[in-house]
Amino acid sequence: MVVGIQRGLEDIKSQLEKRGFDVVYIENYNYPVDAIIYAGNSFNISCISRNNMPQFTMGKRTQYGVFMINSQGQTIDEIEEMLKKRCYTPLF
């Protein structure tokens, strides 16, 4: 799983890499990502380009977009669980 992350979240980036995720800075990454992690309301959504969106036939799933996670108030364990389940709550 490729995770795009907002600059300034280096601690989260480091911890996710230790847990086996491929983490890139979204601001200058021009390839598809599975998820984007940002903080609060300071994320500049204009840095997401069409190149970051998986094509409809890529990967295991079809017709899906980019999963966005606001890291504010979340622990690294909660973020990891969201990434794995692609869900914010334990409803599934």
PDB file of N, CA and C in Angstrom:
ATOM      1  N   MET A   1       0.850  -1.181   0.000  1.00  0.00           N
ATOM      2  CA  MET A   1       0.000   0.000   0.000  1.00  0.00           C
ATOM      3  C   MET A   1       0.888   1.232   0.000  1.00  0.00           C
ATOM      4  N   VAL A   2       0.580   2.148  -0.907  1.00  0.00           N
ATOM      5  CA  VAL A   2       1.319   3.416  -0.971  1.00  0.00           C
ATOM      6  C   VAL A   2       0.483   4.481  -0.265  1.00  0.00           C
ATOM      7  N   VAL A   3       1.095   5.111   0.727  1.00  0.00           N
ATOM      8  CA  VAL A   3       0.415   6.131   1.519  1.00  0.00           C
ATOM      9  C   VAL A   3       1.090   7.471   1.279  1.00  0.00           C
ATOM     10  N   GLY A   4       0.312   8.443   0.815  1.00  0.00           N
ATOM     11  CA  GLY A   4       0.808   9.802   0.672  1.00  0.00           C
ATOM     12  C   GLY A   4       0.601  10.539   1.981  1.00  0.00           C
ATOM     13  N   ILE A   5       1.580  11.314   2.376  1.00  0.00           N
ATOM     14  CA  ILE A   5       1.474  12.010   3.661  1.00  0.00           C
ATOM     15  C   ILE A   5       1.857  13.477   3.478  1.00  0.00           C
ATOM     16  N   GLN A   6       1.212  14.323   4.235  1.00  0.00           N
ATOM     17  CA  GLN A   6       1.481  15.767   4.213  1.00  0.00           C
ATOM     18  C   GLN A   6       2.822  16.041   4.890  1.00  0.00           C
ATOM     19  N   ARG A   7       3.578  16.957   4.331  1.00  0.00           N
ATOM     20  CA  ARG A   7       4.837  17.364   4.996  1.00  0.00           C
ATOM     21  C   ARG A   7       4.506  17.902   6.385  1.00  0.00           C
ATOM     22  N   GLY A   8       5.394  17.648   7.313  1.00  0.00           N
ATOM     23  CA  GLY A   8       5.171  18.066   8.691  1.00  0.00           C
ATOM     24  C   GLY A   8       4.723  16.907   9.574  1.00  0.00           C
ATOM     25  N   LEU A   9       4.402  15.778   8.949  1.00  0.00           N
ATOM     26  CA  LEU A   9       3.967  14.596   9.706  1.00  0.00           C
ATOM     27  C   LEU A   9       5.053  13.515   9.663  1.00  0.00           C
ATOM     28  N   GLU A  10       6.293  13.953   9.843  1.00  0.00           N
ATOM     29  CA  GLU A  10       7.432  13.049   9.745  1.00  0.00           C
ATOM     30  C   GLU A  10       7.385  11.916  10.755  1.00  0.00           C
ATOM     31  N   ASP A  11       6.882  12.185  11.955  1.00  0.00           N
ATOM     32  CA  ASP A  11       6.797  11.139  12.977  1.00  0.00           C
ATOM     33  C   ASP A  11       5.854  10.023  12.525  1.00  0.00           C
ATOM     34  N   ILE A  12       4.706  10.396  11.983  1.00  0.00           N
ATOM     35  CA  ILE A  12       3.752   9.401  11.481  1.00  0.00           C
ATOM     36  C   ILE A  12       4.372   8.655  10.303  1.00  0.00           C
ATOM     37  N   LYS A  13       5.040   9.375   9.418  1.00  0.00           N
ATOM     38  CA  LYS A  13       5.696   8.748   8.259  1.00  0.00           C
ATOM     39  C   LYS A  13       6.683   7.690   8.723  1.00  0.00           C
ATOM     40  N   SER A  14       7.524   8.046   9.656  1.00  0.00           N
ATOM     41  CA  SER A  14       8.531   7.122  10.181  1.00  0.00           C
ATOM     42  C   SER A  14       7.899   5.886  10.819  1.00  0.00           C
ATOM     43  N   GLN A  15       6.872   6.101  11.622  1.00  0.00           N
ATOM     44  CA  GLN A  15       6.224   4.979  12.303  1.00  0.00           C
ATOM     45  C   GLN A  15       5.514   4.045  11.321  1.00  0.00           C
ATOM     46  N   LEU A  16       4.881   4.611  10.295  1.00  0.00           N
ATOM     47  CA  LEU A  16       4.216   3.766   9.300  1.00  0.00           C
ATOM     48  C   LEU A  16       5.226   2.973   8.480  1.00  0.00           C
ATOM     49  N   GLU A  17       6.365   3.590   8.164  1.00  0.00           N
ATOM     50  CA  GLU A  17       7.415   2.871   7.432  1.00  0.00           C
ATOM     51  C   GLU A  17       7.929   1.694   8.254  1.00  0.00           C
ATOM     52  N   LYS A  18       8.080   1.882   9.561  1.00  0.00           N
ATOM     53  CA  LYS A  18       8.508   0.789  10.436  1.00  0.00           C
ATOM     54  C   LYS A  18       7.491  -0.344  10.455  1.00  0.00           C
ATOM     55  N   ARG A  19       6.236  -0.031  10.155  1.00  0.00           N
ATOM     56  CA  ARG A  19       5.166  -1.029  10.147  1.00  0.00           C
ATOM     57  C   ARG A  19       4.941  -1.616   8.745  1.00  0.00           C
ATOM     58  N   GLY A  20       5.810  -1.270   7.822  1.00  0.00           N
ATOM     59  CA  GLY A  20       5.779  -1.892   6.505  1.00  0.00           C
ATOM     60  C   GLY A  20       5.056  -1.141   5.401  1.00  0.00           C
ATOM     61  N   PHE A  21       4.604   0.072   5.662  1.00  0.00           N
ATOM     62  CA  PHE A  21       3.910   0.858   4.637  1.00  0.00           C
ATOM     63  C   PHE A  21       4.926   1.610   3.776  1.00  0.00           C
ATOM     64  N   ASP A  22       4.588   1.779   2.520  1.00  0.00           N
ATOM     65  CA  ASP A  22       5.376   2.596   1.601  1.00  0.00           C
ATOM     66  C   ASP A  22       4.810   4.009   1.705  1.00  0.00           C
ATOM     67  N   VAL A  23       5.551   4.940   2.314  1.00  0.00           N
ATOM     68  CA  VAL A  23       5.038   6.278   2.596  1.00  0.00           C
ATOM     69  C   VAL A  23       5.822   7.318   1.797  1.00  0.00           C
ATOM     70  N   VAL A  24       5.079   8.193   1.117  1.00  0.00           N
ATOM     71  CA  VAL A  24       5.680   9.239   0.277  1.00  0.00           C
ATOM     72  C   VAL A  24       5.068  10.587   0.642  1.00  0.00           C
ATOM     73  N   TYR A  25       5.786  11.653   0.337  1.00  0.00           N
ATOM     74  CA  TYR A  25       5.217  12.987   0.525  1.00  0.00           C
ATOM     75  C   TYR A  25       4.311  13.284  -0.658  1.00  0.00           C
ATOM     76  N   ILE A  26       3.066  13.545  -0.406  1.00  0.00           N
ATOM     77  CA  ILE A  26       2.067  13.713  -1.451  1.00  0.00           C
ATOM     78  C   ILE A  26       2.296  14.983  -2.274  1.00  0.00           C
ATOM     79  N   GLU A  27       2.922  15.979  -1.686  1.00  0.00           N
ATOM     80  CA  GLU A  27       3.085  17.251  -2.377  1.00  0.00           C
ATOM     81  C   GLU A  27       3.918  17.145  -3.659  1.00  0.00           C
ATOM     82  N   ASN A  28       4.809  16.173  -3.728  1.00  0.00           N
ATOM     83  CA  ASN A  28       5.642  16.068  -4.927  1.00  0.00           C
ATOM     84  C   ASN A  28       5.708  14.644  -5.481  1.00  0.00           C
ATOM     85  N   TYR A  29       4.705  13.837  -5.211  1.00  0.00           N
ATOM     86  CA  TYR A  29       4.642  12.460  -5.699  1.00  0.00           C
ATOM     87  C   TYR A  29       3.598  12.398  -6.812  1.00  0.00           C
ATOM     88  N   ASN A  30       4.006  12.009  -8.000  1.00  0.00           N
ATOM     89  CA  ASN A  30       3.115  12.049  -9.163  1.00  0.00           C
ATOM     90  C   ASN A  30       2.670  10.673  -9.636  1.00  0.00           C
ATOM     91  N   TYR A  31       2.422   9.774  -8.689  1.00  0.00           N
ATOM     92  CA  TYR A  31       1.982   8.424  -9.009  1.00  0.00           C
ATOM     93  C   TYR A  31       0.791   8.084  -8.115  1.00  0.00           C
ATOM     94  N   PRO A  32       0.061   7.024  -8.440  1.00  0.00           N
ATOM     95  CA  PRO A  32      -1.112   6.669  -7.627  1.00  0.00           C
ATOM     96  C   PRO A  32      -0.761   6.328  -6.176  1.00  0.00           C
ATOM     97  N   VAL A  33      -1.631   6.736  -5.270  1.00  0.00           N
ATOM     98  CA  VAL A  33      -1.531   6.384  -3.856  1.00  0.00           C
ATOM     99  C   VAL A  33      -2.851   5.758  -3.433  1.00  0.00           C
ATOM    100  N   ASP A  34      -2.794   4.935  -2.398  1.00  0.00           N
ATOM    101  CA  ASP A  34      -3.996   4.284  -1.881  1.00  0.00           C
ATOM    102  C   ASP A  34      -4.677   5.110  -0.809  1.00  0.00           C
ATOM    103  N   ALA A  35      -3.893   5.931  -0.105  1.00  0.00           N
ATOM    104  CA  ALA A  35      -4.435   6.740   0.986  1.00  0.00           C
ATOM    105  C   ALA A  35      -3.599   8.001   1.131  1.00  0.00           C
ATOM    106  N   ILE A  36      -4.223   9.017   1.729  1.00  0.00           N
ATOM    107  CA  ILE A  36      -3.533  10.270   2.029  1.00  0.00           C
ATOM    108  C   ILE A  36      -3.786  10.603   3.490  1.00  0.00           C
ATOM    109  N   ILE A  37      -2.714  10.921   4.203  1.00  0.00           N
ATOM    110  CA  ILE A  37      -2.819  11.318   5.608  1.00  0.00           C
ATOM    111  C   ILE A  37      -2.447  12.788   5.712  1.00  0.00           C
ATOM    112  N   TYR A  38      -3.308  13.534   6.375  1.00  0.00           N
ATOM    113  CA  TYR A  38      -3.085  14.972   6.546  1.00  0.00           C
ATOM    114  C   TYR A  38      -3.431  15.336   7.985  1.00  0.00           C
ATOM    115  N   ALA A  39      -3.178  16.593   8.361  1.00  0.00           N
ATOM    116  CA  ALA A  39      -3.439  17.032   9.733  1.00  0.00           C
ATOM    117  C   ALA A  39      -4.400  18.212   9.737  1.00  0.00           C
ATOM    118  N   GLY A  40      -5.434  18.113  10.551  1.00  0.00           N
ATOM    119  CA  GLY A  40      -6.369  19.216  10.754  1.00  0.00           C
ATOM    120  C   GLY A  40      -6.983  19.734   9.473  1.00  0.00           C
ATOM    121  N   ASN A  41      -7.128  21.046   9.402  1.00  0.00           N
ATOM    122  CA  ASN A  41      -7.708  21.645   8.205  1.00  0.00           C
ATOM    123  C   ASN A  41      -6.660  22.417   7.405  1.00  0.00           C
ATOM    124  N   SER A  42      -5.387  22.099   7.625  1.00  0.00           N
ATOM    125  CA  SER A  42      -4.319  22.831   6.957  1.00  0.00           C
ATOM    126  C   SER A  42      -3.869  22.176   5.657  1.00  0.00           C
ATOM    127  N   PHE A  43      -4.500  21.094   5.238  1.00  0.00           N
ATOM    128  CA  PHE A  43      -4.068  20.388   4.037  1.00  0.00           C
ATOM    129  C   PHE A  43      -4.522  21.119   2.786  1.00  0.00           C
ATOM    130  N   ASN A  44      -3.589  21.339   1.875  1.00  0.00           N
ATOM    131  CA  ASN A  44      -3.885  22.004   0.613  1.00  0.00           C
ATOM    132  C   ASN A  44      -4.260  20.936  -0.413  1.00  0.00           C
ATOM    133  N   ILE A  45      -5.534  20.759  -0.617  1.00  0.00           N
ATOM    134  CA  ILE A  45      -6.018  19.684  -1.485  1.00  0.00           C
ATOM    135  C   ILE A  45      -5.575  19.854  -2.931  1.00  0.00           C
ATOM    136  N   SER A  46      -5.146  21.050  -3.308  1.00  0.00           N
ATOM    137  CA  SER A  46      -4.713  21.272  -4.688  1.00  0.00           C
ATOM    138  C   SER A  46      -3.429  20.519  -5.018  1.00  0.00           C
ATOM    139  N   CYS A  47      -2.726  20.002  -4.014  1.00  0.00           N
ATOM    140  CA  CYS A  47      -1.507  19.237  -4.294  1.00  0.00           C
ATOM    141  C   CYS A  47      -1.831  17.821  -4.771  1.00  0.00           C
ATOM    142  N   ILE A  48      -3.091  17.408  -4.687  1.00  0.00           N
ATOM    143  CA  ILE A  48      -3.492  16.101  -5.201  1.00  0.00           C
ATOM    144  C   ILE A  48      -3.794  16.261  -6.685  1.00  0.00           C
ATOM    145  N   SER A  49      -3.146  15.450  -7.474  1.00  0.00           N
ATOM    146  CA  SER A  49      -3.356  15.539  -8.919  1.00  0.00           C
ATOM    147  C   SER A  49      -4.034  14.274  -9.430  1.00  0.00           C
ATOM    148  N   ARG A  50      -4.415  14.324 -10.677  1.00  0.00           N
ATOM    149  CA  ARG A  50      -5.008  13.148 -11.322  1.00  0.00           C
ATOM    150  C   ARG A  50      -4.034  11.972 -11.269  1.00  0.00           C
ATOM    151  N   ASN A  51      -2.733  12.259 -11.266  1.00  0.00           N
ATOM    152  CA  ASN A  51      -1.722  11.204 -11.213  1.00  0.00           C
ATOM    153  C   ASN A  51      -1.760  10.436  -9.902  1.00  0.00           C
ATOM    154  N   ASN A  52      -2.292  11.032  -8.840  1.00  0.00           N
ATOM    155  CA  ASN A  52      -2.360  10.361  -7.544  1.00  0.00           C
ATOM    156  C   ASN A  52      -3.553   9.421  -7.427  1.00  0.00           C
ATOM    157  N   MET A  53      -4.489   9.522  -8.352  1.00  0.00           N
ATOM    158  CA  MET A  53      -5.696   8.712  -8.280  1.00  0.00           C
ATOM    159  C   MET A  53      -5.491   7.390  -9.015  1.00  0.00           C
ATOM    160  N   PRO A  54      -5.697   6.273  -8.339  1.00  0.00           N
ATOM    161  CA  PRO A  54      -5.571   4.983  -9.027  1.00  0.00           C
ATOM    162  C   PRO A  54      -6.584   4.895 -10.165  1.00  0.00           C
ATOM    163  N   GLN A  55      -6.170   4.279 -11.257  1.00  0.00           N
ATOM    164  CA  GLN A  55      -7.108   4.057 -12.351  1.00  0.00           C
ATOM    165  C   GLN A  55      -8.154   3.051 -11.901  1.00  0.00           C
ATOM    166  N   PHE A  56      -9.269   3.060 -12.549  1.00  0.00           N
ATOM    167  CA  PHE A  56     -10.380   2.214 -12.130  1.00  0.00           C
ATOM    168  C   PHE A  56     -10.082   0.725 -12.199  1.00  0.00           C
ATOM    169  N   THR A  57      -9.079   0.324 -12.920  1.00  0.00           N
ATOM    170  CA  THR A  57      -8.789  -1.098 -13.043  1.00  0.00           C
ATOM    171  C   THR A  57      -7.494  -1.501 -12.356  1.00  0.00           C
ATOM    172  N   MET A  58      -6.900  -0.611 -11.578  1.00  0.00           N
ATOM    173  CA  MET A  58      -5.640  -0.927 -10.910  1.00  0.00           C
ATOM    174  C   MET A  58      -5.870  -1.634  -9.585  1.00  0.00           C
ATOM    175  N   GLY A  59      -4.948  -2.495  -9.202  1.00  0.00           N
ATOM    176  CA  GLY A  59      -4.965  -3.116  -7.880  1.00  0.00           C
ATOM    177  C   GLY A  59      -6.033  -4.173  -7.710  1.00  0.00           C
ATOM    178  N   LYS A  60      -6.210  -4.580  -6.476  1.00  0.00           N
ATOM    179  CA  LYS A  60      -7.165  -5.627  -6.135  1.00  0.00           C
ATOM    180  C   LYS A  60      -8.596  -5.154  -6.238  1.00  0.00           C
ATOM    181  N   ARG A  61      -8.805  -3.887  -5.971  1.00  0.00           N
ATOM    182  CA  ARG A  61     -10.151  -3.340  -5.989  1.00  0.00           C
ATOM    183  C   ARG A  61     -10.358  -2.553  -7.271  1.00  0.00           C
ATOM    184  N   THR A  62     -11.588  -2.494  -7.710  1.00  0.00           N
ATOM    185  CA  THR A  62     -11.874  -1.679  -8.881  1.00  0.00           C
ATOM    186  C   THR A  62     -12.819  -0.567  -8.485  1.00  0.00           C
ATOM    187  N   GLN A  63     -12.744   0.522  -9.221  1.00  0.00           N
ATOM    188  CA  GLN A  63     -13.623   1.672  -9.027  1.00  0.00           C
ATOM    189  C   GLN A  63     -13.582   2.231  -7.606  1.00  0.00           C
ATOM    190  N   TYR A  64     -12.414   2.550  -7.148  1.00  0.00           N
ATOM    191  CA  TYR A  64     -12.295   3.195  -5.847  1.00  0.00           C
ATOM    192  C   TYR A  64     -11.385   4.393  -5.960  1.00  0.00           C
ATOM    193  N   GLY A  65     -11.461   5.267  -4.987  1.00  0.00           N
ATOM    194  CA  GLY A  65     -10.651   6.473  -4.981  1.00  0.00           C
ATOM    195  C   GLY A  65      -9.571   6.408  -3.930  1.00  0.00           C
ATOM    196  N   VAL A  66      -9.174   7.564  -3.457  1.00  0.00           N
ATOM    197  CA  VAL A  66      -8.120   7.668  -2.463  1.00  0.00           C
ATOM    198  C   VAL A  66      -8.752   7.844  -1.091  1.00  0.00           C
ATOM    199  N   PHE A  67      -8.348   7.023  -0.152  1.00  0.00           N
ATOM    200  CA  PHE A  67      -8.835   7.072   1.222  1.00  0.00           C
ATOM    201  C   PHE A  67      -8.080   8.173   1.953  1.00  0.00           C
ATOM    202  N   MET A  68      -8.786   9.148   2.517  1.00  0.00           N
ATOM    203  CA  MET A  68      -8.153  10.269   3.201  1.00  0.00           C
ATOM    204  C   MET A  68      -8.371  10.166   4.709  1.00  0.00           C
ATOM    205  N   ILE A  69      -7.281  10.344   5.459  1.00  0.00           N
ATOM    206  CA  ILE A  69      -7.319  10.242   6.916  1.00  0.00           C
ATOM    207  C   ILE A  69      -6.798  11.530   7.530  1.00  0.00           C
ATOM    208  N   ASN A  70      -7.604  12.140   8.389  1.00  0.00           N
ATOM    209  CA  ASN A  70      -7.158  13.283   9.175  1.00  0.00           C
ATOM    210  C   ASN A  70      -6.470  12.716  10.414  1.00  0.00           C
ATOM    211  N   SER A  71      -5.182  12.959  10.552  1.00  0.00           N
ATOM    212  CA  SER A  71      -4.405  12.382  11.647  1.00  0.00           C
ATOM    213  C   SER A  71      -4.603  13.084  12.981  1.00  0.00           C
ATOM    214  N   GLN A  72      -5.252  14.236  12.963  1.00  0.00           N
ATOM    215  CA  GLN A  72      -5.433  15.001  14.192  1.00  0.00           C
ATOM    216  C   GLN A  72      -6.219  14.183  15.216  1.00  0.00           C
ATOM    217  N   GLY A  73      -5.632  13.995  16.397  1.00  0.00           N
ATOM    218  CA  GLY A  73      -6.286  13.266  17.475  1.00  0.00           C
ATOM    219  C   GLY A  73      -6.243  11.753  17.330  1.00  0.00           C
ATOM    220  N   GLN A  74      -5.499  11.240  16.333  1.00  0.00           N
ATOM    221  CA  GLN A  74      -5.428   9.797  16.103  1.00  0.00           C
ATOM    222  C   GLN A  74      -4.077   9.259  16.567  1.00  0.00           C
ATOM    223  N   THR A  75      -4.078   8.066  17.126  1.00  0.00           N
ATOM    224  CA  THR A  75      -2.822   7.403  17.460  1.00  0.00           C
ATOM    225  C   THR A  75      -2.313   6.677  16.217  1.00  0.00           C
ATOM    226  N   ILE A  76      -1.055   6.289  16.240  1.00  0.00           N
ATOM    227  CA  ILE A  76      -0.496   5.544  15.112  1.00  0.00           C
ATOM    228  C   ILE A  76      -1.214   4.206  14.950  1.00  0.00           C
ATOM    229  N   ASP A  77      -1.618   3.589  16.052  1.00  0.00           N
ATOM    230  CA  ASP A  77      -2.358   2.323  15.970  1.00  0.00           C
ATOM    231  C   ASP A  77      -3.716   2.534  15.295  1.00  0.00           C
ATOM    232  N   GLU A  78      -4.389   3.635  15.610  1.00  0.00           N
ATOM    233  CA  GLU A  78      -5.684   3.935  14.984  1.00  0.00           C
ATOM    234  C   GLU A  78      -5.520   4.203  13.491  1.00  0.00           C
ATOM    235  N   ILE A  79      -4.473   4.930  13.136  1.00  0.00           N
ATOM    236  CA  ILE A  79      -4.214   5.226  11.724  1.00  0.00           C
ATOM    237  C   ILE A  79      -3.922   3.936  10.966  1.00  0.00           C
ATOM    238  N   GLU A  80      -3.093   3.078  11.547  1.00  0.00           N
ATOM    239  CA  GLU A  80      -2.775   1.801  10.899  1.00  0.00           C
ATOM    240  C   GLU A  80      -4.036   0.959  10.693  1.00  0.00           C
ATOM    241  N   GLU A  81      -4.883   0.912  11.683  1.00  0.00           N
ATOM    242  CA  GLU A  81      -6.128   0.146  11.578  1.00  0.00           C
ATOM    243  C   GLU A  81      -7.034   0.711  10.482  1.00  0.00           C
ATOM    244  N   MET A  82      -7.120   2.034  10.396  1.00  0.00           N
ATOM    245  CA  MET A  82      -7.917   2.665   9.335  1.00  0.00           C
ATOM    246  C   MET A  82      -7.368   2.309   7.962  1.00  0.00           C
ATOM    247  N   LEU A  83      -6.042   2.336   7.826  1.00  0.00           N
ATOM    248  CA  LEU A  83      -5.433   2.005   6.548  1.00  0.00           C
ATOM    249  C   LEU A  83      -5.717   0.558   6.160  1.00  0.00           C
ATOM    250  N   LYS A  84      -5.593  -0.332   7.110  1.00  0.00           N
ATOM    251  CA  LYS A  84      -5.803  -1.753   6.824  1.00  0.00           C
ATOM    252  C   LYS A  84      -7.253  -2.060   6.465  1.00  0.00           C
ATOM    253  N   LYS A  85      -8.188  -1.422   7.170  1.00  0.00           N
ATOM    254  CA  LYS A  85      -9.608  -1.703   6.943  1.00  0.00           C
ATOM    255  C   LYS A  85     -10.262  -0.754   5.939  1.00  0.00           C
ATOM    256  N   ARG A  86      -9.542   0.339   5.616  1.00  0.00           N
ATOM    257  CA  ARG A  86     -10.100   1.398   4.771  1.00  0.00           C
ATOM    258  C   ARG A  86     -11.456   1.854   5.317  1.00  0.00           C
ATOM    259  N   CYS A  87     -11.446   2.064   6.627  1.00  0.00           N
ATOM    260  CA  CYS A  87     -12.670   2.424   7.336  1.00  0.00           C
ATOM    261  C   CYS A  87     -12.291   3.233   8.563  1.00  0.00           C
ATOM    262  N   TYR A  88     -13.134   4.197   8.932  1.00  0.00           N
ATOM    263  CA  TYR A  88     -12.839   5.043  10.099  1.00  0.00           C
ATOM    264  C   TYR A  88     -13.314   4.450  11.406  1.00  0.00           C
ATOM    265  N   THR A  89     -14.306   3.591  11.368  1.00  0.00           N
ATOM    266  CA  THR A  89     -14.892   3.039  12.587  1.00  0.00           C
ATOM    267  C   THR A  89     -14.879   1.515  12.525  1.00  0.00           C
ATOM    268  N   PRO A  90     -15.040   0.872  13.670  1.00  0.00           N
ATOM    269  CA  PRO A  90     -15.053  -0.597  13.689  1.00  0.00           C
ATOM    270  C   PRO A  90     -16.392  -1.189  13.281  1.00  0.00           C
ATOM    271  N   LEU A  91     -17.107  -0.560  12.356  1.00  0.00           N
ATOM    272  CA  LEU A  91     -18.403  -1.074  11.936  1.00  0.00           C
ATOM    273  C   LEU A  91     -18.304  -2.327  11.099  1.00  0.00           C
ATOM    274  N   PHE A  92     -17.169  -2.530  10.435  1.00  0.00           N
ATOM    275  CA  PHE A  92     -17.008  -3.684   9.554  1.00  0.00           C
ATOM    276  C   PHE A  92     -16.229  -4.774  10.213  1.00  0.00           C
TER     277      PHE A  92
END
